[in-house]
Amino acid sequence: MNTIYNTIFINGQAFNCYIDMSLQELLQYLEFESNSIVVEHNSRIIHSTEFDKTFFKSQDKVEIITIVGGG
């Protein structure tokens, strides 16, 4: 069985993901809590309701920013 991957860049680091992996699946795989992050995909902020509808092409750029509260 041949598995096809896309090479994307997450926070500047190359990452191979399945060709049909959604942003939601990627975030789960990387163990991010979707309610405490901001995600930018190819310079566009993605709302959390779009995570499961967002898919990748080779060389896409993803920036994941963790929100930290405190006082």
PDB file of N, CA and C in Angstrom:
ATOM      1  N   MET A   1       0.839  -1.183   0.000  1.00  0.00           N
ATOM      2  CA  MET A   1       0.000   0.000   0.000  1.00  0.00           C
ATOM      3  C   MET A   1       0.881   1.242   0.000  1.00  0.00           C
ATOM      4  N   ASN A   2       0.702   2.106  -0.959  1.00  0.00           N
ATOM      5  CA  ASN A   2       1.464   3.341  -1.042  1.00  0.00           C
ATOM      6  C   ASN A   2       0.706   4.464  -0.356  1.00  0.00           C
ATOM      7  N   THR A   3       1.319   5.039   0.642  1.00  0.00           N
ATOM      8  CA  THR A   3       0.723   6.166   1.337  1.00  0.00           C
ATOM      9  C   THR A   3       1.324   7.442   0.766  1.00  0.00           C
ATOM     10  N   ILE A   4       0.468   8.391   0.459  1.00  0.00           N
ATOM     11  CA  ILE A   4       0.916   9.651  -0.120  1.00  0.00           C
ATOM     12  C   ILE A   4       0.903  10.724   0.969  1.00  0.00           C
ATOM     13  N   TYR A   5       1.993  11.474   1.037  1.00  0.00           N
ATOM     14  CA  TYR A   5       2.154  12.519   2.032  1.00  0.00           C
ATOM     15  C   TYR A   5       2.302  13.875   1.365  1.00  0.00           C
ATOM     16  N   ASN A   6       1.927  14.901   2.105  1.00  0.00           N
ATOM     17  CA  ASN A   6       2.241  16.285   1.759  1.00  0.00           C
ATOM     18  C   ASN A   6       3.304  16.746   2.741  1.00  0.00           C
ATOM     19  N   THR A   7       4.252  17.509   2.261  1.00  0.00           N
ATOM     20  CA  THR A   7       5.194  18.165   3.163  1.00  0.00           C
ATOM     21  C   THR A   7       4.689  19.584   3.359  1.00  0.00           C
ATOM     22  N   ILE A   8       4.340  19.887   4.613  1.00  0.00           N
ATOM     23  CA  ILE A   8       3.895  21.225   4.980  1.00  0.00           C
ATOM     24  C   ILE A   8       4.895  21.784   5.993  1.00  0.00           C
ATOM     25  N   PHE A   9       4.753  23.038   6.318  1.00  0.00           N
ATOM     26  CA  PHE A   9       5.647  23.664   7.289  1.00  0.00           C
ATOM     27  C   PHE A   9       4.820  24.165   8.464  1.00  0.00           C
ATOM     28  N   ILE A  10       5.138  23.656   9.648  1.00  0.00           N
ATOM     29  CA  ILE A  10       4.445  24.049  10.869  1.00  0.00           C
ATOM     30  C   ILE A  10       5.415  24.868  11.704  1.00  0.00           C
ATOM     31  N   ASN A  11       5.082  26.121  11.911  1.00  0.00           N
ATOM     32  CA  ASN A  11       5.961  27.048  12.638  1.00  0.00           C
ATOM     33  C   ASN A  11       7.388  26.983  12.086  1.00  0.00           C
ATOM     34  N   GLY A  12       7.489  26.884  10.761  1.00  0.00           N
ATOM     35  CA  GLY A  12       8.783  26.906  10.088  1.00  0.00           C
ATOM     36  C   GLY A  12       9.478  25.568   9.953  1.00  0.00           C
ATOM     37  N   GLN A  13       8.923  24.512  10.557  1.00  0.00           N
ATOM     38  CA  GLN A  13       9.540  23.192  10.515  1.00  0.00           C
ATOM     39  C   GLN A  13       8.806  22.289   9.530  1.00  0.00           C
ATOM     40  N   ALA A  14       9.554  21.579   8.686  1.00  0.00           N
ATOM     41  CA  ALA A  14       8.940  20.651   7.731  1.00  0.00           C
ATOM     42  C   ALA A  14       8.238  19.525   8.485  1.00  0.00           C
ATOM     43  N   PHE A  15       7.073  19.138   7.974  1.00  0.00           N
ATOM     44  CA  PHE A  15       6.268  18.079   8.587  1.00  0.00           C
ATOM     45  C   PHE A  15       5.563  17.329   7.468  1.00  0.00           C
ATOM     46  N   ASN A  16       5.656  16.003   7.477  1.00  0.00           N
ATOM     47  CA  ASN A  16       4.955  15.177   6.497  1.00  0.00           C
ATOM     48  C   ASN A  16       3.631  14.730   7.087  1.00  0.00           C
ATOM     49  N   CYS A  17       2.540  15.048   6.398  1.00  0.00           N
ATOM     50  CA  CYS A  17       1.218  14.628   6.852  1.00  0.00           C
ATOM     51  C   CYS A  17       0.525  13.868   5.727  1.00  0.00           C
ATOM     52  N   TYR A  18      -0.448  13.050   6.105  1.00  0.00           N
ATOM     53  CA  TYR A  18      -1.229  12.338   5.098  1.00  0.00           C
ATOM     54  C   TYR A  18      -1.894  13.335   4.166  1.00  0.00           C
ATOM     55  N   ILE A  19      -2.011  12.978   2.921  1.00  0.00           N
ATOM     56  CA  ILE A  19      -2.557  13.882   1.905  1.00  0.00           C
ATOM     57  C   ILE A  19      -4.001  14.291   2.211  1.00  0.00           C
ATOM     58  N   ASP A  20      -4.748  13.450   2.939  1.00  0.00           N
ATOM     59  CA  ASP A  20      -6.151  13.754   3.251  1.00  0.00           C
ATOM     60  C   ASP A  20      -6.362  14.195   4.703  1.00  0.00           C
ATOM     61  N   MET A  21      -5.288  14.597   5.382  1.00  0.00           N
ATOM     62  CA  MET A  21      -5.386  15.004   6.782  1.00  0.00           C
ATOM     63  C   MET A  21      -5.937  16.424   6.874  1.00  0.00           C
ATOM     64  N   SER A  22      -6.944  16.600   7.721  1.00  0.00           N
ATOM     65  CA  SER A  22      -7.507  17.937   7.936  1.00  0.00           C
ATOM     66  C   SER A  22      -6.713  18.664   9.015  1.00  0.00           C
ATOM     67  N   LEU A  23      -6.930  19.947   9.111  1.00  0.00           N
ATOM     68  CA  LEU A  23      -6.294  20.739  10.155  1.00  0.00           C
ATOM     69  C   LEU A  23      -6.712  20.219  11.529  1.00  0.00           C
ATOM     70  N   GLN A  24      -7.972  19.861  11.688  1.00  0.00           N
ATOM     71  CA  GLN A  24      -8.451  19.317  12.965  1.00  0.00           C
ATOM     72  C   GLN A  24      -7.684  18.053  13.339  1.00  0.00           C
ATOM     73  N   GLU A  25      -7.495  17.152  12.382  1.00  0.00           N
ATOM     74  CA  GLU A  25      -6.763  15.907  12.637  1.00  0.00           C
ATOM     75  C   GLU A  25      -5.298  16.197  12.966  1.00  0.00           C
ATOM     76  N   LEU A  26      -4.714  17.160  12.278  1.00  0.00           N
ATOM     77  CA  LEU A  26      -3.330  17.537  12.551  1.00  0.00           C
ATOM     78  C   LEU A  26      -3.191  18.060  13.975  1.00  0.00           C
ATOM     79  N   LEU A  27      -4.095  18.935  14.389  1.00  0.00           N
ATOM     80  CA  LEU A  27      -4.030  19.501  15.735  1.00  0.00           C
ATOM     81  C   LEU A  27      -4.219  18.420  16.794  1.00  0.00           C
ATOM     82  N   GLN A  28      -5.102  17.464  16.532  1.00  0.00           N
ATOM     83  CA  GLN A  28      -5.277  16.348  17.464  1.00  0.00           C
ATOM     84  C   GLN A  28      -4.011  15.499  17.530  1.00  0.00           C
ATOM     85  N   TYR A  29      -3.424  15.226  16.380  1.00  0.00           N
ATOM     86  CA  TYR A  29      -2.195  14.442  16.326  1.00  0.00           C
ATOM     87  C   TYR A  29      -1.075  15.119  17.113  1.00  0.00           C
ATOM     88  N   LEU A  30      -0.983  16.434  16.992  1.00  0.00           N
ATOM     89  CA  LEU A  30       0.053  17.193  17.691  1.00  0.00           C
ATOM     90  C   LEU A  30      -0.333  17.524  19.135  1.00  0.00           C
ATOM     91  N   GLU A  31      -1.519  17.088  19.557  1.00  0.00           N
ATOM     92  CA  GLU A  31      -2.033  17.233  20.926  1.00  0.00           C
ATOM     93  C   GLU A  31      -2.219  18.685  21.363  1.00  0.00           C
ATOM     94  N   PHE A  32      -2.760  19.501  20.454  1.00  0.00           N
ATOM     95  CA  PHE A  32      -3.122  20.874  20.787  1.00  0.00           C
ATOM     96  C   PHE A  32      -4.580  20.918  21.206  1.00  0.00           C
ATOM     97  N   GLU A  33      -4.896  21.780  22.173  1.00  0.00           N
ATOM     98  CA  GLU A  33      -6.265  22.044  22.578  1.00  0.00           C
ATOM     99  C   GLU A  33      -6.793  23.157  21.675  1.00  0.00           C
ATOM    100  N   SER A  34      -7.808  22.873  20.869  1.00  0.00           N
ATOM    101  CA  SER A  34      -8.266  23.848  19.878  1.00  0.00           C
ATOM    102  C   SER A  34      -8.855  25.116  20.495  1.00  0.00           C
ATOM    103  N   ASN A  35      -9.226  25.080  21.771  1.00  0.00           N
ATOM    104  CA  ASN A  35      -9.794  26.282  22.392  1.00  0.00           C
ATOM    105  C   ASN A  35      -8.726  27.200  22.991  1.00  0.00           C
ATOM    106  N   SER A  36      -7.446  26.818  22.886  1.00  0.00           N
ATOM    107  CA  SER A  36      -6.395  27.657  23.451  1.00  0.00           C
ATOM    108  C   SER A  36      -5.299  27.991  22.433  1.00  0.00           C
ATOM    109  N   ILE A  37      -5.668  27.964  21.141  1.00  0.00           N
ATOM    110  CA  ILE A  37      -4.693  28.276  20.099  1.00  0.00           C
ATOM    111  C   ILE A  37      -5.307  29.182  19.034  1.00  0.00           C
ATOM    112  N   VAL A  38      -4.433  29.819  18.283  1.00  0.00           N
ATOM    113  CA  VAL A  38      -4.810  30.549  17.080  1.00  0.00           C
ATOM    114  C   VAL A  38      -4.017  29.900  15.954  1.00  0.00           C
ATOM    115  N   VAL A  39      -4.691  29.623  14.831  1.00  0.00           N
ATOM    116  CA  VAL A  39      -4.019  28.955  13.714  1.00  0.00           C
ATOM    117  C   VAL A  39      -4.082  29.834  12.473  1.00  0.00           C
ATOM    118  N   GLU A  40      -2.925  29.984  11.841  1.00  0.00           N
ATOM    119  CA  GLU A  40      -2.826  30.707  10.583  1.00  0.00           C
ATOM    120  C   GLU A  40      -2.413  29.692   9.516  1.00  0.00           C
ATOM    121  N   HIS A  41      -3.156  29.656   8.416  1.00  0.00           N
ATOM    122  CA  HIS A  41      -2.857  28.751   7.301  1.00  0.00           C
ATOM    123  C   HIS A  41      -2.619  29.601   6.067  1.00  0.00           C
ATOM    124  N   ASN A  42      -1.390  29.564   5.563  1.00  0.00           N
ATOM    125  CA  ASN A  42      -1.013  30.382   4.403  1.00  0.00           C
ATOM    126  C   ASN A  42      -1.412  31.840   4.587  1.00  0.00           C
ATOM    127  N   SER A  43      -1.045  32.410   5.723  1.00  0.00           N
ATOM    128  CA  SER A  43      -1.260  33.820   6.064  1.00  0.00           C
ATOM    129  C   SER A  43      -2.715  34.193   6.300  1.00  0.00           C
ATOM    130  N   ARG A  44      -3.574  33.209   6.545  1.00  0.00           N
ATOM    131  CA  ARG A  44      -4.996  33.480   6.815  1.00  0.00           C
ATOM    132  C   ARG A  44      -5.378  32.829   8.144  1.00  0.00           C
ATOM    133  N   ILE A  45      -5.952  33.620   9.047  1.00  0.00           N
ATOM    134  CA  ILE A  45      -6.413  33.080  10.325  1.00  0.00           C
ATOM    135  C   ILE A  45      -7.597  32.151  10.061  1.00  0.00           C
ATOM    136  N   ILE A  46      -7.550  30.954  10.648  1.00  0.00           N
ATOM    137  CA  ILE A  46      -8.608  29.964  10.471  1.00  0.00           C
ATOM    138  C   ILE A  46      -9.428  29.886  11.757  1.00  0.00           C
ATOM    139  N   HIS A  47     -10.727  30.096  11.645  1.00  0.00           N
ATOM    140  CA  HIS A  47     -11.627  29.980  12.795  1.00  0.00           C
ATOM    141  C   HIS A  47     -11.766  28.502  13.155  1.00  0.00           C
ATOM    142  N   SER A  48     -11.919  28.220  14.417  1.00  0.00           N
ATOM    143  CA  SER A  48     -11.980  26.822  14.872  1.00  0.00           C
ATOM    144  C   SER A  48     -13.114  26.028  14.217  1.00  0.00           C
ATOM    145  N   THR A  49     -14.177  26.701  13.770  1.00  0.00           N
ATOM    146  CA  THR A  49     -15.261  25.983  13.088  1.00  0.00           C
ATOM    147  C   THR A  49     -14.846  25.497  11.700  1.00  0.00           C
ATOM    148  N   GLU A  50     -13.717  25.986  11.198  1.00  0.00           N
ATOM    149  CA  GLU A  50     -13.218  25.599   9.878  1.00  0.00           C
ATOM    150  C   GLU A  50     -12.101  24.557   9.945  1.00  0.00           C
ATOM    151  N   PHE A  51     -11.672  24.179  11.146  1.00  0.00           N
ATOM    152  CA  PHE A  51     -10.541  23.247  11.276  1.00  0.00           C
ATOM    153  C   PHE A  51     -10.800  21.928  10.546  1.00  0.00           C
ATOM    154  N   ASP A  52     -12.006  21.395  10.648  1.00  0.00           N
ATOM    155  CA  ASP A  52     -12.288  20.104  10.016  1.00  0.00           C
ATOM    156  C   ASP A  52     -12.535  20.213   8.512  1.00  0.00           C
ATOM    157  N   LYS A  53     -12.629  21.437   7.996  1.00  0.00           N
ATOM    158  CA  LYS A  53     -12.861  21.657   6.561  1.00  0.00           C
ATOM    159  C   LYS A  53     -11.610  22.169   5.851  1.00  0.00           C
ATOM    160  N   THR A  54     -10.518  22.305   6.591  1.00  0.00           N
ATOM    161  CA  THR A  54      -9.285  22.844   6.036  1.00  0.00           C
ATOM    162  C   THR A  54      -8.315  21.702   5.769  1.00  0.00           C
ATOM    163  N   PHE A  55      -7.875  21.591   4.516  1.00  0.00           N
ATOM    164  CA  PHE A  55      -6.947  20.541   4.106  1.00  0.00           C
ATOM    165  C   PHE A  55      -5.707  21.186   3.508  1.00  0.00           C
ATOM    166  N   PHE A  56      -4.642  20.410   3.363  1.00  0.00           N
ATOM    167  CA  PHE A  56      -3.342  20.948   2.978  1.00  0.00           C
ATOM    168  C   PHE A  56      -2.926  20.541   1.576  1.00  0.00           C
ATOM    169  N   LYS A  57      -2.125  21.421   0.987  1.00  0.00           N
ATOM    170  CA  LYS A  57      -1.411  21.130  -0.252  1.00  0.00           C
ATOM    171  C   LYS A  57       0.075  21.143   0.104  1.00  0.00           C
ATOM    172  N   SER A  58       0.867  20.506  -0.707  1.00  0.00           N
ATOM    173  CA  SER A  58       2.304  20.485  -0.481  1.00  0.00           C
ATOM    174  C   SER A  58       2.843  21.906  -0.377  1.00  0.00           C
ATOM    175  N   GLN A  59       3.717  22.121   0.582  1.00  0.00           N
ATOM    176  CA  GLN A  59       4.400  23.400   0.842  1.00  0.00           C
ATOM    177  C   GLN A  59       3.534  24.435   1.564  1.00  0.00           C
ATOM    178  N   ASP A  60       2.325  24.059   2.009  1.00  0.00           N
ATOM    179  CA  ASP A  60       1.511  24.987   2.790  1.00  0.00           C
ATOM    180  C   ASP A  60       2.247  25.368   4.071  1.00  0.00           C
ATOM    181  N   LYS A  61       1.903  26.534   4.588  1.00  0.00           N
ATOM    182  CA  LYS A  61       2.506  27.027   5.819  1.00  0.00           C
ATOM    183  C   LYS A  61       1.429  27.174   6.890  1.00  0.00           C
ATOM    184  N   VAL A  62       1.720  26.598   8.049  1.00  0.00           N
ATOM    185  CA  VAL A  62       0.806  26.643   9.181  1.00  0.00           C
ATOM    186  C   VAL A  62       1.558  27.236  10.365  1.00  0.00           C
ATOM    187  N   GLU A  63       0.960  28.219  10.990  1.00  0.00           N
ATOM    188  CA  GLU A  63       1.510  28.788  12.225  1.00  0.00           C
ATOM    189  C   GLU A  63       0.505  28.509  13.328  1.00  0.00           C
ATOM    190  N   ILE A  64       0.975  27.924  14.413  1.00  0.00           N
ATOM    191  CA  ILE A  64       0.117  27.610  15.556  1.00  0.00           C
ATOM    192  C   ILE A  64       0.630  28.416  16.748  1.00  0.00           C
ATOM    193  N   ILE A  65      -0.238  29.251  17.290  1.00  0.00           N
ATOM    194  CA  ILE A  65       0.128  30.112  18.397  1.00  0.00           C
ATOM    195  C   ILE A  65      -0.695  29.697  19.616  1.00  0.00           C
ATOM    196  N   THR A  66      -0.012  29.382  20.697  1.00  0.00           N
ATOM    197  CA  THR A  66      -0.682  28.970  21.920  1.00  0.00           C
ATOM    198  C   THR A  66      -0.996  30.198  22.758  1.00  0.00           C
ATOM    199  N   ILE A  67      -2.241  30.277  23.208  1.00  0.00           N
ATOM    200  CA  ILE A  67      -2.680  31.390  24.055  1.00  0.00           C
ATOM    201  C   ILE A  67      -2.456  30.999  25.510  1.00  0.00           C
ATOM    202  N   VAL A  68      -1.751  31.860  26.226  1.00  0.00           N
ATOM    203  CA  VAL A  68      -1.452  31.607  27.627  1.00  0.00           C
ATOM    204  C   VAL A  68      -2.066  32.713  28.458  1.00  0.00           C
ATOM    205  N   GLY A  69      -2.865  32.332  29.436  1.00  0.00           N
ATOM    206  CA  GLY A  69      -3.477  33.324  30.315  1.00  0.00           C
ATOM    207  C   GLY A  69      -2.662  33.474  31.586  1.00  0.00           C
ATOM    208  N   GLY A  70      -2.885  34.527  32.251  1.00  0.00           N
ATOM    209  CA  GLY A  70      -2.186  34.750  33.507  1.00  0.00           C
ATOM    210  C   GLY A  70      -2.414  36.159  33.994  1.00  0.00           C
ATOM    211  N   GLY A  71      -1.858  36.444  35.099  1.00  0.00           N
ATOM    212  CA  GLY A  71      -2.087  37.776  35.606  1.00  0.00           C
ATOM    213  C   GLY A  71      -1.129  38.221  36.589  1.00  0.00           C
TER     214      GLY A  71
END
